[in-house]
Every structure is written in structure tokens, then in C-alpha cells.
Amino acid sequence: DVALLSEVRSRFLKSIDVYIPVEQLDSEGSQRFFELIASHPGRSTFRLMLTHGTDISLPVVVNKFKVEPSNELLEALSKDYQLSFSK
């Protein structure tokens, strides 16, 4: 079978981890970030990983949001944040 990458990604991607430096989550940055996430509802779990320096990352459970891993969302997130995916 031949399938579009966006279809395969949407069907098989279970979660997206977004690594965000703590410094970027001021009130303006966090509002912009969550507006972006909220504008792409879907079935994939979204996990926020707060980072500080290179050695510390803290997972934050965000049960409210599930996202559609569209090209637009991934491009927007990858401009400012580090992403990790799991299937």
C-alpha cells in the first residue's frame, strides 16, 4: 500500500515530546505555545518536557491536549523547540 506521510504519521504516532527551556515559558511564551497546541486537536498524546541547561528535564503531564501531528504543527514547534516522537 502507498500512503501519504501525513496519514502514516497521524495513524501511528502515539506521542510527541516537546522540550522547552524553562526560560521560554514566560506568560507570553506559554500563552503562544498553548494556543498553537490547542489549534491542532487530534489523537496523539502531547508531553511537555521542561528543560534547564543540558542535564535536567522535567516531564509535565498535559492531559487536556491531544494533538494532530500535522506538517504545520511540527514545523511551527520545530522552529523554537526540540521535538521527540514515539510510536
PDB file of N, CA and C in Angstrom:
ATOM      1  N   ASP A   1       0.821  -1.190   0.000  1.00  0.00           N
ATOM      2  CA  ASP A   1       0.000   0.000   0.000  1.00  0.00           C
ATOM      3  C   ASP A   1       0.865   1.255   0.000  1.00  0.00           C
ATOM      4  N   VAL A   2       0.372   2.261  -0.672  1.00  0.00           N
ATOM      5  CA  VAL A   2       1.025   3.552  -0.698  1.00  0.00           C
ATOM      6  C   VAL A   2       0.163   4.505   0.128  1.00  0.00           C
ATOM      7  N   ALA A   3       0.809   5.217   1.049  1.00  0.00           N
ATOM      8  CA  ALA A   3       0.086   6.169   1.895  1.00  0.00           C
ATOM      9  C   ALA A   3       0.897   7.442   2.034  1.00  0.00           C
ATOM     10  N   LEU A   4       0.193   8.523   2.202  1.00  0.00           N
ATOM     11  CA  LEU A   4       0.865   9.795   2.433  1.00  0.00           C
ATOM     12  C   LEU A   4       1.542   9.774   3.796  1.00  0.00           C
ATOM     13  N   LEU A   5       2.674  10.448   3.889  1.00  0.00           N
ATOM     14  CA  LEU A   5       3.399  10.509   5.146  1.00  0.00           C
ATOM     15  C   LEU A   5       2.527  11.083   6.262  1.00  0.00           C
ATOM     16  N   SER A   6       1.723  12.088   5.947  1.00  0.00           N
ATOM     17  CA  SER A   6       0.859  12.693   6.959  1.00  0.00           C
ATOM     18  C   SER A   6      -0.161  11.686   7.488  1.00  0.00           C
ATOM     19  N   GLU A   7      -0.671  10.786   6.620  1.00  0.00           N
ATOM     20  CA  GLU A   7      -1.612   9.750   7.055  1.00  0.00           C
ATOM     21  C   GLU A   7      -0.917   8.745   7.971  1.00  0.00           C
ATOM     22  N   VAL A   8       0.256   8.320   7.593  1.00  0.00           N
ATOM     23  CA  VAL A   8       1.013   7.344   8.382  1.00  0.00           C
ATOM     24  C   VAL A   8       1.361   7.943   9.742  1.00  0.00           C
ATOM     25  N   ARG A   9       1.822   9.165   9.738  1.00  0.00           N
ATOM     26  CA  ARG A   9       2.176   9.840  10.985  1.00  0.00           C
ATOM     27  C   ARG A   9       0.958   9.964  11.893  1.00  0.00           C
ATOM     28  N   SER A  10      -0.168  10.357  11.338  1.00  0.00           N
ATOM     29  CA  SER A  10      -1.380  10.526  12.131  1.00  0.00           C
ATOM     30  C   SER A  10      -1.867   9.202  12.699  1.00  0.00           C
ATOM     31  N   ARG A  11      -1.724   8.136  11.940  1.00  0.00           N
ATOM     32  CA  ARG A  11      -2.219   6.827  12.358  1.00  0.00           C
ATOM     33  C   ARG A  11      -1.319   6.148  13.393  1.00  0.00           C
ATOM     34  N   PHE A  12      -0.004   6.299  13.263  1.00  0.00           N
ATOM     35  CA  PHE A  12       0.915   5.518  14.088  1.00  0.00           C
ATOM     36  C   PHE A  12       1.648   6.279  15.185  1.00  0.00           C
ATOM     37  N   LEU A  13       1.661   7.579  15.120  1.00  0.00           N
ATOM     38  CA  LEU A  13       2.376   8.350  16.124  1.00  0.00           C
ATOM     39  C   LEU A  13       1.559   8.414  17.408  1.00  0.00           C
ATOM     40  N   LYS A  14       2.113   7.865  18.479  1.00  0.00           N
ATOM     41  CA  LYS A  14       1.404   7.820  19.757  1.00  0.00           C
ATOM     42  C   LYS A  14       1.602   9.083  20.574  1.00  0.00           C
ATOM     43  N   SER A  15       2.823   9.611  20.585  1.00  0.00           N
ATOM     44  CA  SER A  15       3.054  10.798  21.398  1.00  0.00           C
ATOM     45  C   SER A  15       4.140  11.681  20.807  1.00  0.00           C
ATOM     46  N   ILE A  16       4.048  12.947  21.162  1.00  0.00           N
ATOM     47  CA  ILE A  16       5.048  13.939  20.786  1.00  0.00           C
ATOM     48  C   ILE A  16       5.568  14.545  22.077  1.00  0.00           C
ATOM     49  N   ASP A  17       6.871  14.519  22.263  1.00  0.00           N
ATOM     50  CA  ASP A  17       7.508  15.185  23.395  1.00  0.00           C
ATOM     51  C   ASP A  17       8.095  16.489  22.882  1.00  0.00           C
ATOM     52  N   VAL A  18       7.758  17.568  23.549  1.00  0.00           N
ATOM     53  CA  VAL A  18       8.290  18.875  23.180  1.00  0.00           C
ATOM     54  C   VAL A  18       9.161  19.354  24.329  1.00  0.00           C
ATOM     55  N   TYR A  19      10.426  19.576  24.047  1.00  0.00           N
ATOM     56  CA  TYR A  19      11.396  20.025  25.058  1.00  0.00           C
ATOM     57  C   TYR A  19      11.488  21.549  25.005  1.00  0.00           C
ATOM     58  N   ILE A  20      11.150  22.178  26.120  1.00  0.00           N
ATOM     59  CA  ILE A  20      11.126  23.632  26.179  1.00  0.00           C
ATOM     60  C   ILE A  20      11.995  24.117  27.332  1.00  0.00           C
ATOM     61  N   PRO A  21      12.951  24.997  27.047  1.00  0.00           N
ATOM     62  CA  PRO A  21      13.708  25.593  28.142  1.00  0.00           C
ATOM     63  C   PRO A  21      12.764  26.395  29.045  1.00  0.00           C
ATOM     64  N   VAL A  22      12.930  26.264  30.333  1.00  0.00           N
ATOM     65  CA  VAL A  22      12.085  26.955  31.309  1.00  0.00           C
ATOM     66  C   VAL A  22      12.048  28.451  31.022  1.00  0.00           C
ATOM     67  N   GLU A  23      13.161  29.006  30.588  1.00  0.00           N
ATOM     68  CA  GLU A  23      13.251  30.437  30.334  1.00  0.00           C
ATOM     69  C   GLU A  23      12.276  30.908  29.260  1.00  0.00           C
ATOM     70  N   GLN A  24      11.864  30.015  28.343  1.00  0.00           N
ATOM     71  CA  GLN A  24      10.964  30.405  27.257  1.00  0.00           C
ATOM     72  C   GLN A  24       9.504  30.429  27.687  1.00  0.00           C
ATOM     73  N   LEU A  25       9.200  29.964  28.880  1.00  0.00           N
ATOM     74  CA  LEU A  25       7.803  29.889  29.294  1.00  0.00           C
ATOM     75  C   LEU A  25       7.396  31.041  30.202  1.00  0.00           C
ATOM     76  N   ASP A  26       7.701  32.252  29.772  1.00  0.00           N
ATOM     77  CA  ASP A  26       7.127  33.395  30.468  1.00  0.00           C
ATOM     78  C   ASP A  26       5.652  33.465  30.082  1.00  0.00           C
ATOM     79  N   SER A  27       4.904  34.413  30.582  1.00  0.00           N
ATOM     80  CA  SER A  27       3.459  34.430  30.335  1.00  0.00           C
ATOM     81  C   SER A  27       3.127  34.537  28.851  1.00  0.00           C
ATOM     82  N   GLU A  28       3.860  35.346  28.117  1.00  0.00           N
ATOM     83  CA  GLU A  28       3.611  35.483  26.683  1.00  0.00           C
ATOM     84  C   GLU A  28       3.990  34.212  25.924  1.00  0.00           C
ATOM     85  N   GLY A  29       5.138  33.653  26.256  1.00  0.00           N
ATOM     86  CA  GLY A  29       5.609  32.440  25.577  1.00  0.00           C
ATOM     87  C   GLY A  29       4.712  31.248  25.838  1.00  0.00           C
ATOM     88  N   SER A  30       4.253  31.087  27.065  1.00  0.00           N
ATOM     89  CA  SER A  30       3.390  29.946  27.371  1.00  0.00           C
ATOM     90  C   SER A  30       2.026  30.107  26.724  1.00  0.00           C
ATOM     91  N   GLN A  31       1.489  31.315  26.671  1.00  0.00           N
ATOM     92  CA  GLN A  31       0.200  31.530  26.023  1.00  0.00           C
ATOM     93  C   GLN A  31       0.285  31.201  24.539  1.00  0.00           C
ATOM     94  N   ARG A  32       1.329  31.688  23.880  1.00  0.00           N
ATOM     95  CA  ARG A  32       1.521  31.424  22.448  1.00  0.00           C
ATOM     96  C   ARG A  32       1.677  29.920  22.195  1.00  0.00           C
ATOM     97  N   PHE A  33       2.444  29.256  23.057  1.00  0.00           N
ATOM     98  CA  PHE A  33       2.685  27.824  22.911  1.00  0.00           C
ATOM     99  C   PHE A  33       1.376  27.034  23.030  1.00  0.00           C
ATOM    100  N   PHE A  34       0.597  27.297  24.076  1.00  0.00           N
ATOM    101  CA  PHE A  34      -0.632  26.534  24.268  1.00  0.00           C
ATOM    102  C   PHE A  34      -1.715  26.880  23.252  1.00  0.00           C
ATOM    103  N   GLU A  35      -1.715  28.079  22.724  1.00  0.00           N
ATOM    104  CA  GLU A  35      -2.630  28.413  21.630  1.00  0.00           C
ATOM    105  C   GLU A  35      -2.287  27.592  20.388  1.00  0.00           C
ATOM    106  N   LEU A  36      -1.002  27.430  20.121  1.00  0.00           N
ATOM    107  CA  LEU A  36      -0.557  26.617  18.990  1.00  0.00           C
ATOM    108  C   LEU A  36      -1.002  25.173  19.163  1.00  0.00           C
ATOM    109  N   ILE A  37      -0.789  24.612  20.348  1.00  0.00           N
ATOM    110  CA  ILE A  37      -1.176  23.227  20.617  1.00  0.00           C
ATOM    111  C   ILE A  37      -2.693  23.061  20.515  1.00  0.00           C
ATOM    112  N   ALA A  38      -3.442  23.985  21.093  1.00  0.00           N
ATOM    113  CA  ALA A  38      -4.903  23.895  21.096  1.00  0.00           C
ATOM    114  C   ALA A  38      -5.495  24.013  19.694  1.00  0.00           C
ATOM    115  N   SER A  39      -4.776  24.644  18.789  1.00  0.00           N
ATOM    116  CA  SER A  39      -5.300  24.829  17.433  1.00  0.00           C
ATOM    117  C   SER A  39      -5.082  23.606  16.536  1.00  0.00           C
ATOM    118  N   HIS A  40      -4.501  22.531  17.068  1.00  0.00           N
ATOM    119  CA  HIS A  40      -4.268  21.304  16.303  1.00  0.00           C
ATOM    120  C   HIS A  40      -4.771  20.081  17.088  1.00  0.00           C
ATOM    121  N   PRO A  41      -6.068  20.000  17.374  1.00  0.00           N
ATOM    122  CA  PRO A  41      -6.580  18.861  18.146  1.00  0.00           C
ATOM    123  C   PRO A  41      -6.463  17.561  17.353  1.00  0.00           C
ATOM    124  N   GLY A  42      -6.236  16.470  18.077  1.00  0.00           N
ATOM    125  CA  GLY A  42      -6.106  15.173  17.421  1.00  0.00           C
ATOM    126  C   GLY A  42      -6.071  14.047  18.426  1.00  0.00           C
ATOM    127  N   ARG A  43      -5.391  12.933  18.058  1.00  0.00           N
ATOM    128  CA  ARG A  43      -5.370  11.736  18.905  1.00  0.00           C
ATOM    129  C   ARG A  43      -4.028  11.455  19.551  1.00  0.00           C
ATOM    130  N   SER A  44      -2.980  12.146  19.161  1.00  0.00           N
ATOM    131  CA  SER A  44      -1.651  11.867  19.707  1.00  0.00           C
ATOM    132  C   SER A  44      -1.462  12.578  21.043  1.00  0.00           C
ATOM    133  N   THR A  45      -0.874  11.861  21.995  1.00  0.00           N
ATOM    134  CA  THR A  45      -0.579  12.436  23.299  1.00  0.00           C
ATOM    135  C   THR A  45       0.519  13.473  23.155  1.00  0.00           C
ATOM    136  N   PHE A  46       0.364  14.527  23.901  1.00  0.00           N
ATOM    137  CA  PHE A  46       1.332  15.609  23.895  1.00  0.00           C
ATOM    138  C   PHE A  46       1.987  15.651  25.269  1.00  0.00           C
ATOM    139  N   ARG A  47       3.328  15.610  25.296  1.00  0.00           N
ATOM    140  CA  ARG A  47       4.043  15.692  26.573  1.00  0.00           C
ATOM    141  C   ARG A  47       4.998  16.876  26.528  1.00  0.00           C
ATOM    142  N   LEU A  48       4.901  17.676  27.552  1.00  0.00           N
ATOM    143  CA  LEU A  48       5.753  18.840  27.687  1.00  0.00           C
ATOM    144  C   LEU A  48       6.915  18.469  28.593  1.00  0.00           C
ATOM    145  N   MET A  49       8.135  18.701  28.124  1.00  0.00           N
ATOM    146  CA  MET A  49       9.336  18.411  28.894  1.00  0.00           C
ATOM    147  C   MET A  49      10.057  19.728  29.141  1.00  0.00           C
ATOM    148  N   LEU A  50      10.002  20.214  30.374  1.00  0.00           N
ATOM    149  CA  LEU A  50      10.707  21.445  30.712  1.00  0.00           C
ATOM    150  C   LEU A  50      12.177  21.143  30.924  1.00  0.00           C
ATOM    151  N   THR A  51      13.033  21.941  30.342  1.00  0.00           N
ATOM    152  CA  THR A  51      14.470  21.703  30.463  1.00  0.00           C
ATOM    153  C   THR A  51      15.144  22.909  31.121  1.00  0.00           C
ATOM    154  N   HIS A  52      16.256  22.599  31.764  1.00  0.00           N
ATOM    155  CA  HIS A  52      17.093  23.645  32.356  1.00  0.00           C
ATOM    156  C   HIS A  52      18.537  23.224  32.135  1.00  0.00           C
ATOM    157  N   GLY A  53      19.229  23.961  31.300  1.00  0.00           N
ATOM    158  CA  GLY A  53      20.587  23.566  30.953  1.00  0.00           C
ATOM    159  C   GLY A  53      20.552  22.314  30.090  1.00  0.00           C
ATOM    160  N   THR A  54      21.612  21.543  30.156  1.00  0.00           N
ATOM    161  CA  THR A  54      21.689  20.340  29.321  1.00  0.00           C
ATOM    162  C   THR A  54      21.400  19.060  30.095  1.00  0.00           C
ATOM    163  N   ASP A  55      21.348  19.141  31.422  1.00  0.00           N
ATOM    164  CA  ASP A  55      21.248  17.925  32.218  1.00  0.00           C
ATOM    165  C   ASP A  55      19.881  17.666  32.842  1.00  0.00           C
ATOM    166  N   ILE A  56      19.022  18.664  32.900  1.00  0.00           N
ATOM    167  CA  ILE A  56      17.780  18.500  33.635  1.00  0.00           C
ATOM    168  C   ILE A  56      16.586  18.624  32.702  1.00  0.00           C
ATOM    169  N   SER A  57      15.699  17.625  32.732  1.00  0.00           N
ATOM    170  CA  SER A  57      14.418  17.742  32.032  1.00  0.00           C
ATOM    171  C   SER A  57      13.332  17.182  32.939  1.00  0.00           C
ATOM    172  N   LEU A  58      12.241  17.901  33.030  1.00  0.00           N
ATOM    173  CA  LEU A  58      11.144  17.573  33.913  1.00  0.00           C
ATOM    174  C   LEU A  58       9.891  17.347  33.080  1.00  0.00           C
ATOM    175  N   PRO A  59       9.342  16.128  33.084  1.00  0.00           N
ATOM    176  CA  PRO A  59       8.109  15.900  32.319  1.00  0.00           C
ATOM    177  C   PRO A  59       6.924  16.548  33.019  1.00  0.00           C
ATOM    178  N   VAL A  60       6.077  17.181  32.219  1.00  0.00           N
ATOM    179  CA  VAL A  60       4.860  17.799  32.725  1.00  0.00           C
ATOM    180  C   VAL A  60       3.691  17.131  32.026  1.00  0.00           C
ATOM    181  N   VAL A  61       2.796  16.551  32.809  1.00  0.00           N
ATOM    182  CA  VAL A  61       1.643  15.862  32.241  1.00  0.00           C
ATOM    183  C   VAL A  61       0.619  16.903  31.798  1.00  0.00           C
ATOM    184  N   VAL A  62       0.243  16.823  30.529  1.00  0.00           N
ATOM    185  CA  VAL A  62      -0.751  17.741  29.976  1.00  0.00           C
ATOM    186  C   VAL A  62      -1.878  16.877  29.416  1.00  0.00           C
ATOM    187  N   ASN A  63      -2.790  16.456  30.292  1.00  0.00           N
ATOM    188  CA  ASN A  63      -3.875  15.564  29.874  1.00  0.00           C
ATOM    189  C   ASN A  63      -4.915  16.262  29.021  1.00  0.00           C
ATOM    190  N   LYS A  64      -4.989  17.557  29.114  1.00  0.00           N
ATOM    191  CA  LYS A  64      -6.027  18.307  28.428  1.00  0.00           C
ATOM    192  C   LYS A  64      -5.874  18.278  26.914  1.00  0.00           C
ATOM    193  N   PHE A  65      -4.645  18.187  26.429  1.00  0.00           N
ATOM    194  CA  PHE A  65      -4.403  18.313  24.999  1.00  0.00           C
ATOM    195  C   PHE A  65      -3.965  17.005  24.372  1.00  0.00           C
ATOM    196  N   LYS A  66      -4.602  16.676  23.260  1.00  0.00           N
ATOM    197  CA  LYS A  66      -4.118  15.656  22.343  1.00  0.00           C
ATOM    198  C   LYS A  66      -4.030  16.377  21.009  1.00  0.00           C
ATOM    199  N   VAL A  67      -3.007  16.077  20.245  1.00  0.00           N
ATOM    200  CA  VAL A  67      -2.744  16.859  19.043  1.00  0.00           C
ATOM    201  C   VAL A  67      -2.767  16.004  17.784  1.00  0.00           C
ATOM    202  N   GLU A  68      -2.980  16.674  16.674  1.00  0.00           N
ATOM    203  CA  GLU A  68      -2.852  16.094  15.343  1.00  0.00           C
ATOM    204  C   GLU A  68      -1.460  16.462  14.858  1.00  0.00           C
ATOM    205  N   PRO A  69      -0.599  15.476  14.615  1.00  0.00           N
ATOM    206  CA  PRO A  69       0.786  15.777  14.223  1.00  0.00           C
ATOM    207  C   PRO A  69       0.903  16.214  12.766  1.00  0.00           C
ATOM    208  N   SER A  70       0.251  17.310  12.436  1.00  0.00           N
ATOM    209  CA  SER A  70       0.252  17.822  11.067  1.00  0.00           C
ATOM    210  C   SER A  70       1.594  18.456  10.732  1.00  0.00           C
ATOM    211  N   ASN A  71       1.837  18.609   9.442  1.00  0.00           N
ATOM    212  CA  ASN A  71       3.064  19.273   9.000  1.00  0.00           C
ATOM    213  C   ASN A  71       3.152  20.679   9.582  1.00  0.00           C
ATOM    214  N   GLU A  72       2.030  21.391   9.593  1.00  0.00           N
ATOM    215  CA  GLU A  72       2.024  22.767  10.093  1.00  0.00           C
ATOM    216  C   GLU A  72       2.415  22.824  11.563  1.00  0.00           C
ATOM    217  N   LEU A  73       1.853  21.931  12.386  1.00  0.00           N
ATOM    218  CA  LEU A  73       2.170  21.920  13.811  1.00  0.00           C
ATOM    219  C   LEU A  73       3.634  21.580  14.034  1.00  0.00           C
ATOM    220  N   LEU A  74       4.120  20.546  13.383  1.00  0.00           N
ATOM    221  CA  LEU A  74       5.508  20.123  13.584  1.00  0.00           C
ATOM    222  C   LEU A  74       6.496  21.177  13.111  1.00  0.00           C
ATOM    223  N   GLU A  75       6.191  21.840  12.012  1.00  0.00           N
ATOM    224  CA  GLU A  75       7.070  22.909  11.538  1.00  0.00           C
ATOM    225  C   GLU A  75       7.084  24.073  12.526  1.00  0.00           C
ATOM    226  N   ALA A  76       5.918  24.453  13.026  1.00  0.00           N
ATOM    227  CA  ALA A  76       5.843  25.569  13.974  1.00  0.00           C
ATOM    228  C   ALA A  76       6.585  25.234  15.262  1.00  0.00           C
ATOM    229  N   LEU A  77       6.399  24.019  15.778  1.00  0.00           N
ATOM    230  CA  LEU A  77       7.079  23.622  17.012  1.00  0.00           C
ATOM    231  C   LEU A  77       8.587  23.516  16.824  1.00  0.00           C
ATOM    232  N   SER A  78       9.010  22.960  15.696  1.00  0.00           N
ATOM    233  CA  SER A  78      10.440  22.726  15.497  1.00  0.00           C
ATOM    234  C   SER A  78      11.226  24.021  15.278  1.00  0.00           C
ATOM    235  N   LYS A  79      10.552  25.116  14.989  1.00  0.00           N
ATOM    236  CA  LYS A  79      11.249  26.402  14.855  1.00  0.00           C
ATOM    237  C   LYS A  79      11.849  26.839  16.185  1.00  0.00           C
ATOM    238  N   ASP A  80      11.118  26.598  17.283  1.00  0.00           N
ATOM    239  CA  ASP A  80      11.530  27.116  18.584  1.00  0.00           C
ATOM    240  C   ASP A  80      11.885  26.055  19.615  1.00  0.00           C
ATOM    241  N   TYR A  81      11.505  24.802  19.363  1.00  0.00           N
ATOM    242  CA  TYR A  81      11.656  23.773  20.394  1.00  0.00           C
ATOM    243  C   TYR A  81      12.252  22.503  19.807  1.00  0.00           C
ATOM    244  N   GLN A  82      12.783  21.663  20.684  1.00  0.00           N
ATOM    245  CA  GLN A  82      13.289  20.357  20.287  1.00  0.00           C
ATOM    246  C   GLN A  82      12.146  19.352  20.429  1.00  0.00           C
ATOM    247  N   LEU A  83      11.966  18.493  19.428  1.00  0.00           N
ATOM    248  CA  LEU A  83      10.874  17.528  19.436  1.00  0.00           C
ATOM    249  C   LEU A  83      11.396  16.108  19.511  1.00  0.00           C
ATOM    250  N   SER A  84      10.592  15.226  20.076  1.00  0.00           N
ATOM    251  CA  SER A  84      10.886  13.792  20.124  1.00  0.00           C
ATOM    252  C   SER A  84       9.562  13.069  19.908  1.00  0.00           C
ATOM    253  N   PHE A  85       9.598  11.943  19.202  1.00  0.00           N
ATOM    254  CA  PHE A  85       8.378  11.227  18.857  1.00  0.00           C
ATOM    255  C   PHE A  85       8.453   9.788  19.319  1.00  0.00           C
ATOM    256  N   SER A  86       7.292   9.183  19.611  1.00  0.00           N
ATOM    257  CA  SER A  86       7.258   7.746  19.914  1.00  0.00           C
ATOM    258  C   SER A  86       6.063   7.135  19.224  1.00  0.00           C
ATOM    259  N   LYS A  87       6.227   5.880  18.834  1.00  0.00           N
ATOM    260  CA  LYS A  87       5.143   5.176  18.134  1.00  0.00           C
ATOM    261  C   LYS A  87       4.567   4.079  18.980  1.00  0.00           C
TER     262      LYS A  87
END
